[in-house]
Amino acid sequence: MIYEFLDRTPDYPESVFVAPSADIIGDVTLGDESSVWFNTTIRGDVNWIEIGNRTNIQDNTCIHVMNQTGPTKIGSEVTIGHNAMVHGCTIRDRVLIGIHATILDEVIIESDVIVAAGSLVPPGKRLESGYMYMGSPVQKKRKLTSEEIASIKEHADNYVKYARAYMQRDTYDENPFYNAKS
């Protein structure tokens, strides 16, 4: 559901897909061709949240803010994997946040970064562009290959296509992403 809170209403263009079970609350802005998937909560109640273009927020993710002191800003072509927790931080462009990762207060993730599944990024940490980070707490593991950097954009491109299919309500027989049983 889309909730107004304290005279603030989520703002997004028609090109954004919001799953029926997603909750977007208060001062939230989403950019063109972004998508918010099933059972996700984006709660801009005590500060603002800004999400760029072509960014996908996958199922069961929670995005929140720090009360009055820390908004959440997410760039363009970002993929946030299933069950992630993103709180009061900045994520720049072309970042992949793995499944069940946690990004905490005042973290800054520069562009072209992969945060591995299950990782914990503790408060105040800065993740340098061009690297893979993993662990709990997160540690820089290695430099990304050019193929991995390109794959971040490919994930974003795929989710734009998935969102379009959902918005058009394609059937499984017509959906090019579905591998039907023979």
N, C-alpha and C. Protein backbone atom coordinates (compact mmCIF):
# COMPACT_ATOMS: atom_id res chain seq x y z
N MET A 1 0.82 -1.18 0.00
CA MET A 1 0.00 0.00 0.00
C MET A 1 0.87 1.25 0.00
N ILE A 2 0.31 2.28 -0.50
CA ILE A 2 0.97 3.59 -0.50
C ILE A 2 0.32 4.40 0.63
N TYR A 3 1.15 4.84 1.59
CA TYR A 3 0.63 5.56 2.75
C TYR A 3 1.15 6.99 2.79
N GLU A 4 0.23 7.91 2.98
CA GLU A 4 0.62 9.27 3.33
C GLU A 4 0.92 9.28 4.82
N PHE A 5 1.96 10.02 5.21
CA PHE A 5 2.28 10.15 6.63
C PHE A 5 2.75 11.57 6.90
N LEU A 6 2.13 12.26 7.85
CA LEU A 6 2.47 13.63 8.21
C LEU A 6 2.54 14.53 6.97
N ASP A 7 1.51 14.43 6.15
CA ASP A 7 1.37 15.24 4.93
C ASP A 7 2.44 14.95 3.87
N ARG A 8 3.10 13.85 3.97
CA ARG A 8 4.09 13.43 2.95
C ARG A 8 3.55 12.18 2.26
N THR A 9 3.55 12.23 0.93
CA THR A 9 3.05 11.11 0.14
C THR A 9 4.16 10.61 -0.77
N PRO A 10 4.36 9.29 -0.87
CA PRO A 10 5.36 8.77 -1.80
C PRO A 10 5.13 9.31 -3.21
N ASP A 11 6.24 9.57 -3.91
CA ASP A 11 6.19 10.18 -5.23
C ASP A 11 6.99 9.31 -6.20
N TYR A 12 6.32 8.89 -7.27
CA TYR A 12 7.01 8.09 -8.28
C TYR A 12 6.23 8.15 -9.59
N PRO A 13 6.96 8.02 -10.72
CA PRO A 13 6.29 8.07 -12.02
C PRO A 13 5.57 6.77 -12.37
N GLU A 14 4.76 6.82 -13.41
CA GLU A 14 4.01 5.64 -13.86
C GLU A 14 4.90 4.49 -14.29
N SER A 15 6.15 4.75 -14.61
CA SER A 15 7.06 3.69 -15.06
C SER A 15 7.57 2.82 -13.93
N VAL A 16 7.22 3.13 -12.68
CA VAL A 16 7.66 2.37 -11.52
C VAL A 16 6.66 1.24 -11.26
N PHE A 17 7.19 0.04 -10.99
CA PHE A 17 6.35 -1.09 -10.58
C PHE A 17 6.40 -1.20 -9.06
N VAL A 18 5.23 -1.22 -8.43
CA VAL A 18 5.11 -1.45 -7.00
C VAL A 18 4.21 -2.67 -6.82
N ALA A 19 4.74 -3.74 -6.26
CA ALA A 19 3.94 -4.95 -6.03
C ALA A 19 2.80 -4.64 -5.06
N PRO A 20 1.67 -5.31 -5.22
CA PRO A 20 0.51 -5.02 -4.38
C PRO A 20 0.76 -5.20 -2.88
N SER A 21 1.67 -6.07 -2.49
CA SER A 21 1.94 -6.31 -1.07
C SER A 21 3.06 -5.44 -0.52
N ALA A 22 3.64 -4.57 -1.32
CA ALA A 22 4.69 -3.66 -0.85
C ALA A 22 4.05 -2.49 -0.11
N ASP A 23 4.76 -1.97 0.88
CA ASP A 23 4.31 -0.79 1.62
C ASP A 23 5.33 0.32 1.44
N ILE A 24 4.88 1.46 0.94
CA ILE A 24 5.73 2.64 0.78
C ILE A 24 5.05 3.76 1.55
N ILE A 25 5.81 4.33 2.51
CA ILE A 25 5.21 5.22 3.49
C ILE A 25 5.94 6.55 3.53
N GLY A 26 5.20 7.65 3.45
CA GLY A 26 5.72 8.98 3.73
C GLY A 26 6.59 9.58 2.65
N ASP A 27 7.69 10.18 3.07
CA ASP A 27 8.56 11.00 2.21
C ASP A 27 9.53 10.11 1.44
N VAL A 28 9.00 9.48 0.40
CA VAL A 28 9.77 8.54 -0.44
C VAL A 28 9.62 8.98 -1.90
N THR A 29 10.76 9.05 -2.60
CA THR A 29 10.77 9.37 -4.02
C THR A 29 11.47 8.24 -4.76
N LEU A 30 10.84 7.75 -5.82
CA LEU A 30 11.44 6.72 -6.66
C LEU A 30 11.61 7.25 -8.07
N GLY A 31 12.74 6.89 -8.72
CA GLY A 31 13.03 7.32 -10.07
C GLY A 31 12.43 6.42 -11.13
N ASP A 32 12.52 6.87 -12.38
CA ASP A 32 11.97 6.15 -13.53
C ASP A 32 12.43 4.70 -13.59
N GLU A 33 11.48 3.82 -13.94
CA GLU A 33 11.71 2.40 -14.21
C GLU A 33 12.28 1.64 -13.03
N SER A 34 12.09 2.16 -11.83
CA SER A 34 12.48 1.40 -10.64
C SER A 34 11.37 0.42 -10.30
N SER A 35 11.67 -0.51 -9.38
CA SER A 35 10.66 -1.49 -8.98
C SER A 35 10.81 -1.84 -7.51
N VAL A 36 9.64 -2.05 -6.89
CA VAL A 36 9.56 -2.41 -5.48
C VAL A 36 8.76 -3.71 -5.43
N TRP A 37 9.39 -4.77 -4.95
CA TRP A 37 8.82 -6.10 -5.08
C TRP A 37 8.07 -6.52 -3.82
N PHE A 38 7.54 -7.73 -3.84
CA PHE A 38 6.56 -8.23 -2.88
C PHE A 38 7.07 -8.17 -1.43
N ASN A 39 6.18 -7.73 -0.55
CA ASN A 39 6.40 -7.67 0.90
C ASN A 39 7.55 -6.75 1.31
N THR A 40 7.90 -5.83 0.48
CA THR A 40 8.94 -4.85 0.81
C THR A 40 8.30 -3.69 1.57
N THR A 41 9.08 -3.13 2.52
CA THR A 41 8.66 -1.93 3.24
C THR A 41 9.69 -0.85 3.01
N ILE A 42 9.23 0.31 2.56
CA ILE A 42 10.08 1.50 2.41
C ILE A 42 9.41 2.57 3.25
N ARG A 43 10.03 2.90 4.40
CA ARG A 43 9.36 3.72 5.41
C ARG A 43 10.07 5.05 5.60
N GLY A 44 9.56 6.07 4.90
CA GLY A 44 10.07 7.42 5.01
C GLY A 44 9.22 8.23 5.96
N ASP A 45 9.15 7.81 7.21
CA ASP A 45 8.24 8.46 8.17
C ASP A 45 8.93 9.54 9.01
N VAL A 46 10.15 9.33 9.44
CA VAL A 46 10.84 10.30 10.29
C VAL A 46 12.05 10.93 9.59
N ASN A 47 12.19 10.68 8.32
CA ASN A 47 13.18 11.29 7.44
C ASN A 47 12.83 10.87 6.02
N TRP A 48 13.59 11.34 5.04
CA TRP A 48 13.24 11.07 3.65
C TRP A 48 14.09 9.94 3.06
N ILE A 49 13.53 9.34 2.01
CA ILE A 49 14.19 8.28 1.24
C ILE A 49 14.10 8.66 -0.22
N GLU A 50 15.25 8.58 -0.90
CA GLU A 50 15.30 8.85 -2.34
C GLU A 50 15.93 7.64 -3.03
N ILE A 51 15.25 7.15 -4.06
CA ILE A 51 15.72 6.00 -4.83
C ILE A 51 15.79 6.42 -6.29
N GLY A 52 16.92 6.16 -6.94
CA GLY A 52 17.16 6.62 -8.30
C GLY A 52 16.43 5.82 -9.36
N ASN A 53 16.86 6.00 -10.60
CA ASN A 53 16.26 5.36 -11.77
C ASN A 53 16.75 3.93 -11.92
N ARG A 54 15.83 3.05 -12.39
CA ARG A 54 16.18 1.68 -12.77
C ARG A 54 16.76 0.88 -11.60
N THR A 55 16.33 1.20 -10.40
CA THR A 55 16.77 0.49 -9.20
C THR A 55 15.69 -0.49 -8.80
N ASN A 56 16.09 -1.69 -8.36
CA ASN A 56 15.11 -2.69 -7.94
C ASN A 56 15.33 -3.06 -6.48
N ILE A 57 14.23 -3.03 -5.75
CA ILE A 57 14.21 -3.36 -4.34
C ILE A 57 13.43 -4.67 -4.23
N GLN A 58 14.14 -5.76 -3.99
CA GLN A 58 13.53 -7.08 -4.11
C GLN A 58 12.77 -7.50 -2.86
N ASP A 59 12.05 -8.61 -2.98
CA ASP A 59 11.10 -9.11 -2.00
C ASP A 59 11.64 -9.10 -0.57
N ASN A 60 10.77 -8.68 0.35
CA ASN A 60 11.01 -8.72 1.80
C ASN A 60 12.09 -7.77 2.29
N THR A 61 12.50 -6.83 1.48
CA THR A 61 13.50 -5.85 1.89
C THR A 61 12.84 -4.80 2.77
N CYS A 62 13.62 -4.26 3.72
CA CYS A 62 13.17 -3.15 4.55
C CYS A 62 14.15 -2.00 4.37
N ILE A 63 13.62 -0.83 4.01
CA ILE A 63 14.42 0.38 3.89
C ILE A 63 13.84 1.40 4.86
N HIS A 64 14.70 1.92 5.74
CA HIS A 64 14.24 2.90 6.73
C HIS A 64 15.30 3.98 6.87
N VAL A 65 15.12 4.87 7.84
CA VAL A 65 15.93 6.08 8.01
C VAL A 65 16.29 6.25 9.48
N MET A 66 17.18 7.21 9.76
CA MET A 66 17.46 7.60 11.14
C MET A 66 16.60 8.82 11.46
N ASN A 67 15.97 8.82 12.60
CA ASN A 67 15.05 9.88 12.99
C ASN A 67 15.72 11.26 12.92
N GLN A 68 15.28 12.06 11.97
CA GLN A 68 15.69 13.44 11.75
C GLN A 68 17.16 13.62 11.36
N THR A 69 18.03 12.68 11.64
CA THR A 69 19.46 12.88 11.40
C THR A 69 20.01 12.15 10.18
N GLY A 70 19.31 11.16 9.68
CA GLY A 70 19.87 10.37 8.59
C GLY A 70 18.86 9.86 7.61
N PRO A 71 18.77 10.51 6.44
CA PRO A 71 17.91 9.97 5.38
C PRO A 71 18.58 8.73 4.76
N THR A 72 17.89 8.11 3.84
CA THR A 72 18.46 7.02 3.05
C THR A 72 18.41 7.45 1.59
N LYS A 73 19.57 7.39 0.94
CA LYS A 73 19.67 7.77 -0.47
C LYS A 73 20.26 6.59 -1.23
N ILE A 74 19.52 6.15 -2.24
CA ILE A 74 19.93 5.02 -3.07
C ILE A 74 19.99 5.50 -4.51
N GLY A 75 21.10 5.24 -5.18
CA GLY A 75 21.32 5.74 -6.53
C GLY A 75 20.56 4.98 -7.60
N SER A 76 21.03 5.12 -8.82
CA SER A 76 20.42 4.50 -9.99
C SER A 76 21.11 3.18 -10.33
N GLU A 77 20.34 2.28 -10.94
CA GLU A 77 20.81 0.96 -11.37
C GLU A 77 21.41 0.17 -10.21
N VAL A 78 20.71 0.26 -9.08
CA VAL A 78 21.09 -0.49 -7.87
C VAL A 78 20.16 -1.70 -7.77
N THR A 79 20.71 -2.84 -7.40
CA THR A 79 19.94 -4.03 -7.11
C THR A 79 20.09 -4.32 -5.63
N ILE A 80 18.96 -4.37 -4.94
CA ILE A 80 18.96 -4.73 -3.52
C ILE A 80 18.25 -6.07 -3.41
N GLY A 81 19.01 -7.10 -3.04
CA GLY A 81 18.52 -8.47 -3.03
C GLY A 81 17.49 -8.75 -1.95
N HIS A 82 16.83 -9.88 -2.10
CA HIS A 82 15.77 -10.32 -1.20
C HIS A 82 16.21 -10.26 0.27
N ASN A 83 15.29 -9.82 1.12
CA ASN A 83 15.49 -9.81 2.58
C ASN A 83 16.60 -8.89 3.06
N ALA A 84 16.99 -7.92 2.29
CA ALA A 84 18.03 -6.98 2.74
C ALA A 84 17.43 -5.98 3.72
N MET A 85 18.30 -5.43 4.56
CA MET A 85 17.94 -4.37 5.51
C MET A 85 18.84 -3.19 5.19
N VAL A 86 18.24 -2.05 4.86
CA VAL A 86 18.99 -0.85 4.47
C VAL A 86 18.50 0.28 5.37
N HIS A 87 19.41 0.89 6.15
CA HIS A 87 18.97 1.82 7.19
C HIS A 87 19.85 3.06 7.26
N GLY A 88 19.29 4.22 6.95
CA GLY A 88 19.96 5.50 7.17
C GLY A 88 21.33 5.62 6.54
N CYS A 89 21.45 5.26 5.27
CA CYS A 89 22.75 5.20 4.60
C CYS A 89 22.67 5.80 3.19
N THR A 90 23.82 5.83 2.52
CA THR A 90 23.90 6.28 1.13
C THR A 90 24.49 5.16 0.29
N ILE A 91 23.77 4.79 -0.76
CA ILE A 91 24.24 3.80 -1.72
C ILE A 91 24.27 4.51 -3.07
N ARG A 92 25.44 4.61 -3.66
CA ARG A 92 25.55 5.33 -4.93
C ARG A 92 25.12 4.44 -6.09
N ASP A 93 25.44 4.81 -7.33
CA ASP A 93 24.97 4.12 -8.54
C ASP A 93 25.67 2.78 -8.76
N ARG A 94 24.94 1.88 -9.45
CA ARG A 94 25.47 0.59 -9.89
C ARG A 94 26.10 -0.19 -8.73
N VAL A 95 25.27 -0.49 -7.76
CA VAL A 95 25.68 -1.29 -6.61
C VAL A 95 24.77 -2.50 -6.54
N LEU A 96 25.32 -3.65 -6.19
CA LEU A 96 24.53 -4.85 -5.94
C LEU A 96 24.65 -5.18 -4.46
N ILE A 97 23.52 -5.18 -3.78
CA ILE A 97 23.45 -5.57 -2.38
C ILE A 97 22.88 -6.98 -2.37
N GLY A 98 23.65 -7.94 -1.88
CA GLY A 98 23.26 -9.34 -1.92
C GLY A 98 22.10 -9.69 -1.01
N ILE A 99 21.56 -10.86 -1.24
CA ILE A 99 20.44 -11.38 -0.46
C ILE A 99 20.80 -11.35 1.03
N HIS A 100 19.87 -10.86 1.83
CA HIS A 100 19.95 -10.86 3.29
C HIS A 100 21.13 -10.05 3.84
N ALA A 101 21.63 -9.09 3.08
CA ALA A 101 22.67 -8.19 3.59
C ALA A 101 22.04 -7.10 4.43
N THR A 102 22.84 -6.55 5.36
CA THR A 102 22.38 -5.46 6.22
C THR A 102 23.34 -4.29 6.08
N ILE A 103 22.79 -3.12 5.75
CA ILE A 103 23.56 -1.90 5.57
C ILE A 103 23.06 -0.92 6.63
N LEU A 104 23.94 -0.49 7.54
CA LEU A 104 23.49 0.29 8.69
C LEU A 104 23.80 1.78 8.56
N ASP A 105 23.47 2.50 9.62
CA ASP A 105 23.49 3.96 9.67
C ASP A 105 24.81 4.58 9.23
N GLU A 106 24.68 5.64 8.44
CA GLU A 106 25.78 6.49 7.99
C GLU A 106 26.83 5.76 7.14
N VAL A 107 26.47 4.60 6.62
CA VAL A 107 27.34 3.91 5.66
C VAL A 107 27.28 4.66 4.34
N ILE A 108 28.40 4.71 3.63
CA ILE A 108 28.45 5.22 2.26
C ILE A 108 29.03 4.12 1.40
N ILE A 109 28.27 3.71 0.39
CA ILE A 109 28.75 2.72 -0.57
C ILE A 109 28.92 3.44 -1.89
N GLU A 110 30.15 3.53 -2.35
CA GLU A 110 30.44 4.21 -3.61
C GLU A 110 29.92 3.39 -4.78
N SER A 111 29.94 3.97 -5.98
CA SER A 111 29.45 3.30 -7.19
C SER A 111 30.29 2.08 -7.53
N ASP A 112 29.67 1.14 -8.25
CA ASP A 112 30.35 -0.05 -8.77
C ASP A 112 30.93 -0.91 -7.65
N VAL A 113 30.04 -1.36 -6.74
CA VAL A 113 30.41 -2.19 -5.60
C VAL A 113 29.45 -3.37 -5.54
N ILE A 114 29.96 -4.52 -5.12
CA ILE A 114 29.11 -5.66 -4.79
C ILE A 114 29.30 -5.96 -3.30
N VAL A 115 28.17 -6.04 -2.58
CA VAL A 115 28.15 -6.47 -1.19
C VAL A 115 27.55 -7.87 -1.19
N ALA A 116 28.34 -8.86 -0.78
CA ALA A 116 27.93 -10.25 -0.88
C ALA A 116 26.73 -10.57 0.02
N ALA A 117 26.02 -11.61 -0.35
CA ALA A 117 24.86 -12.07 0.41
C ALA A 117 25.24 -12.31 1.87
N GLY A 118 24.34 -11.93 2.77
CA GLY A 118 24.52 -12.18 4.19
C GLY A 118 25.50 -11.26 4.89
N SER A 119 26.05 -10.30 4.20
CA SER A 119 27.05 -9.41 4.80
C SER A 119 26.41 -8.38 5.71
N LEU A 120 27.20 -7.92 6.69
CA LEU A 120 26.80 -6.85 7.59
C LEU A 120 27.77 -5.70 7.42
N VAL A 121 27.25 -4.54 7.00
CA VAL A 121 28.07 -3.33 6.86
C VAL A 121 27.77 -2.48 8.09
N PRO A 122 28.72 -2.39 9.04
CA PRO A 122 28.46 -1.69 10.30
C PRO A 122 28.38 -0.17 10.12
N PRO A 123 27.81 0.52 11.09
CA PRO A 123 27.61 1.96 10.99
C PRO A 123 28.89 2.72 10.65
N GLY A 124 28.74 3.72 9.78
CA GLY A 124 29.83 4.64 9.46
C GLY A 124 30.88 4.14 8.49
N LYS A 125 30.76 2.92 8.01
CA LYS A 125 31.75 2.35 7.10
C LYS A 125 31.59 2.95 5.70
N ARG A 126 32.70 3.11 5.00
CA ARG A 126 32.69 3.58 3.60
C ARG A 126 33.27 2.45 2.74
N LEU A 127 32.51 2.04 1.71
CA LEU A 127 32.96 0.98 0.81
C LEU A 127 33.43 1.61 -0.49
N GLU A 128 34.68 1.35 -0.82
CA GLU A 128 35.35 1.96 -1.98
C GLU A 128 34.87 1.36 -3.29
N SER A 129 34.76 2.20 -4.29
CA SER A 129 34.33 1.81 -5.63
C SER A 129 35.23 0.73 -6.22
N GLY A 130 34.60 -0.24 -6.92
CA GLY A 130 35.34 -1.23 -7.69
C GLY A 130 35.72 -2.49 -6.94
N TYR A 131 35.11 -2.73 -5.79
CA TYR A 131 35.48 -3.90 -4.97
C TYR A 131 34.28 -4.72 -4.56
N MET A 132 34.56 -5.99 -4.22
CA MET A 132 33.59 -6.87 -3.59
C MET A 132 33.88 -6.87 -2.09
N TYR A 133 32.79 -6.77 -1.32
CA TYR A 133 32.87 -6.79 0.13
C TYR A 133 32.02 -7.94 0.63
N MET A 134 32.51 -8.65 1.67
CA MET A 134 31.71 -9.73 2.24
C MET A 134 32.09 -9.95 3.69
N GLY A 135 31.18 -10.58 4.40
CA GLY A 135 31.43 -10.97 5.78
C GLY A 135 30.59 -10.19 6.77
N SER A 136 30.74 -10.58 8.04
CA SER A 136 29.99 -9.96 9.12
C SER A 136 30.91 -9.80 10.32
N PRO A 137 31.53 -8.63 10.46
CA PRO A 137 31.34 -7.41 9.67
C PRO A 137 32.04 -7.53 8.31
N VAL A 138 31.59 -6.70 7.38
CA VAL A 138 32.07 -6.73 6.01
C VAL A 138 33.56 -6.38 5.93
N GLN A 139 34.24 -7.03 5.00
CA GLN A 139 35.64 -6.72 4.71
C GLN A 139 35.83 -6.68 3.20
N LYS A 140 36.76 -5.84 2.75
CA LYS A 140 37.08 -5.77 1.33
C LYS A 140 37.75 -7.09 0.95
N LYS A 141 37.19 -7.79 -0.03
CA LYS A 141 37.74 -9.09 -0.43
C LYS A 141 38.65 -9.01 -1.64
N ARG A 142 38.17 -8.30 -2.69
CA ARG A 142 38.99 -8.25 -3.91
C ARG A 142 38.42 -7.22 -4.86
N LYS A 143 39.23 -6.87 -5.85
CA LYS A 143 38.82 -5.95 -6.91
C LYS A 143 37.82 -6.68 -7.81
N LEU A 144 36.80 -5.96 -8.26
CA LEU A 144 35.83 -6.54 -9.19
C LEU A 144 36.43 -6.64 -10.59
N THR A 145 36.03 -7.68 -11.32
CA THR A 145 36.43 -7.79 -12.72
C THR A 145 35.53 -6.88 -13.55
N SER A 146 35.94 -6.60 -14.76
CA SER A 146 35.10 -5.79 -15.65
C SER A 146 33.78 -6.49 -15.94
N GLU A 147 33.79 -7.82 -15.98
CA GLU A 147 32.55 -8.58 -16.20
C GLU A 147 31.60 -8.42 -15.02
N GLU A 148 32.12 -8.44 -13.81
CA GLU A 148 31.28 -8.27 -12.63
C GLU A 148 30.68 -6.87 -12.58
N ILE A 149 31.47 -5.88 -12.92
CA ILE A 149 30.95 -4.51 -12.95
C ILE A 149 29.83 -4.40 -13.99
N ALA A 150 30.04 -5.00 -15.15
CA ALA A 150 29.00 -4.99 -16.19
C ALA A 150 27.75 -5.75 -15.73
N SER A 151 27.93 -6.80 -14.93
CA SER A 151 26.78 -7.60 -14.48
C SER A 151 25.86 -6.80 -13.55
N ILE A 152 26.40 -5.82 -12.85
CA ILE A 152 25.56 -5.00 -11.97
C ILE A 152 24.50 -4.27 -12.80
N LYS A 153 24.93 -3.70 -13.91
CA LYS A 153 23.99 -3.02 -14.81
C LYS A 153 23.02 -4.03 -15.45
N GLU A 154 23.52 -5.22 -15.78
CA GLU A 154 22.66 -6.25 -16.36
C GLU A 154 21.54 -6.65 -15.40
N HIS A 155 21.86 -6.76 -14.11
CA HIS A 155 20.81 -7.08 -13.12
C HIS A 155 19.74 -6.00 -13.13
N ALA A 156 20.16 -4.74 -13.17
CA ALA A 156 19.20 -3.63 -13.20
C ALA A 156 18.36 -3.70 -14.49
N ASP A 157 19.01 -3.95 -15.62
CA ASP A 157 18.29 -4.07 -16.89
C ASP A 157 17.24 -5.18 -16.83
N ASN A 158 17.63 -6.33 -16.26
CA ASN A 158 16.69 -7.46 -16.16
C ASN A 158 15.47 -7.10 -15.33
N TYR A 159 15.69 -6.41 -14.22
CA TYR A 159 14.56 -6.06 -13.36
C TYR A 159 13.65 -5.03 -14.00
N VAL A 160 14.17 -4.18 -14.85
CA VAL A 160 13.31 -3.28 -15.62
C VAL A 160 12.40 -4.12 -16.52
N LYS A 161 12.96 -5.14 -17.16
CA LYS A 161 12.16 -6.02 -18.02
C LYS A 161 11.12 -6.80 -17.21
N TYR A 162 11.52 -7.34 -16.04
CA TYR A 162 10.57 -8.09 -15.20
C TYR A 162 9.41 -7.18 -14.79
N ALA A 163 9.75 -5.96 -14.39
CA ALA A 163 8.72 -5.02 -13.94
C ALA A 163 7.74 -4.72 -15.08
N ARG A 164 8.27 -4.53 -16.27
CA ARG A 164 7.39 -4.27 -17.43
C ARG A 164 6.44 -5.44 -17.65
N ALA A 165 6.96 -6.67 -17.53
CA ALA A 165 6.10 -7.84 -17.71
C ALA A 165 5.00 -7.88 -16.66
N TYR A 166 5.33 -7.57 -15.41
CA TYR A 166 4.31 -7.53 -14.36
C TYR A 166 3.30 -6.42 -14.61
N MET A 167 3.76 -5.27 -15.05
CA MET A 167 2.86 -4.14 -15.30
C MET A 167 1.92 -4.43 -16.46
N GLN A 168 2.38 -5.24 -17.41
CA GLN A 168 1.54 -5.60 -18.56
C GLN A 168 0.70 -6.83 -18.27
N ARG A 169 0.95 -7.44 -17.10
CA ARG A 169 0.23 -8.65 -16.67
C ARG A 169 0.32 -9.75 -17.72
N ASP A 170 1.51 -9.97 -18.24
CA ASP A 170 1.72 -11.06 -19.20
C ASP A 170 1.39 -12.39 -18.55
N THR A 171 0.93 -13.33 -19.34
CA THR A 171 0.72 -14.68 -18.85
C THR A 171 2.05 -15.42 -18.91
N TYR A 172 2.13 -16.52 -18.18
CA TYR A 172 3.37 -17.28 -18.18
C TYR A 172 3.74 -17.78 -19.58
N ASP A 173 2.72 -18.12 -20.38
CA ASP A 173 3.00 -18.60 -21.73
C ASP A 173 3.65 -17.51 -22.60
N GLU A 174 3.32 -16.26 -22.30
CA GLU A 174 3.85 -15.15 -23.10
C GLU A 174 5.09 -14.52 -22.48
N ASN A 175 5.42 -14.91 -21.26
CA ASN A 175 6.52 -14.28 -20.54
C ASN A 175 7.86 -14.89 -20.96
N PRO A 176 8.75 -14.12 -21.55
CA PRO A 176 10.02 -14.66 -22.03
C PRO A 176 10.97 -15.05 -20.90
N PHE A 177 10.65 -14.71 -19.65
CA PHE A 177 11.53 -15.02 -18.51
C PHE A 177 11.14 -16.31 -17.82
N TYR A 178 10.00 -16.86 -18.20
CA TYR A 178 9.50 -18.04 -17.53
C TYR A 178 9.89 -19.28 -18.31
N ASN A 179 10.47 -20.25 -17.62
CA ASN A 179 10.87 -21.51 -18.25
C ASN A 179 9.77 -22.53 -18.00
N ALA A 180 8.80 -22.58 -18.91
CA ALA A 180 7.64 -23.46 -18.75
C ALA A 180 8.03 -24.91 -18.84
N LYS A 181 7.33 -25.74 -18.07
CA LYS A 181 7.54 -27.19 -18.14
C LYS A 181 7.03 -27.69 -19.47
N SER A 182 7.73 -28.64 -20.05
CA SER A 182 7.31 -29.20 -21.35
C SER A 182 6.37 -30.36 -21.14
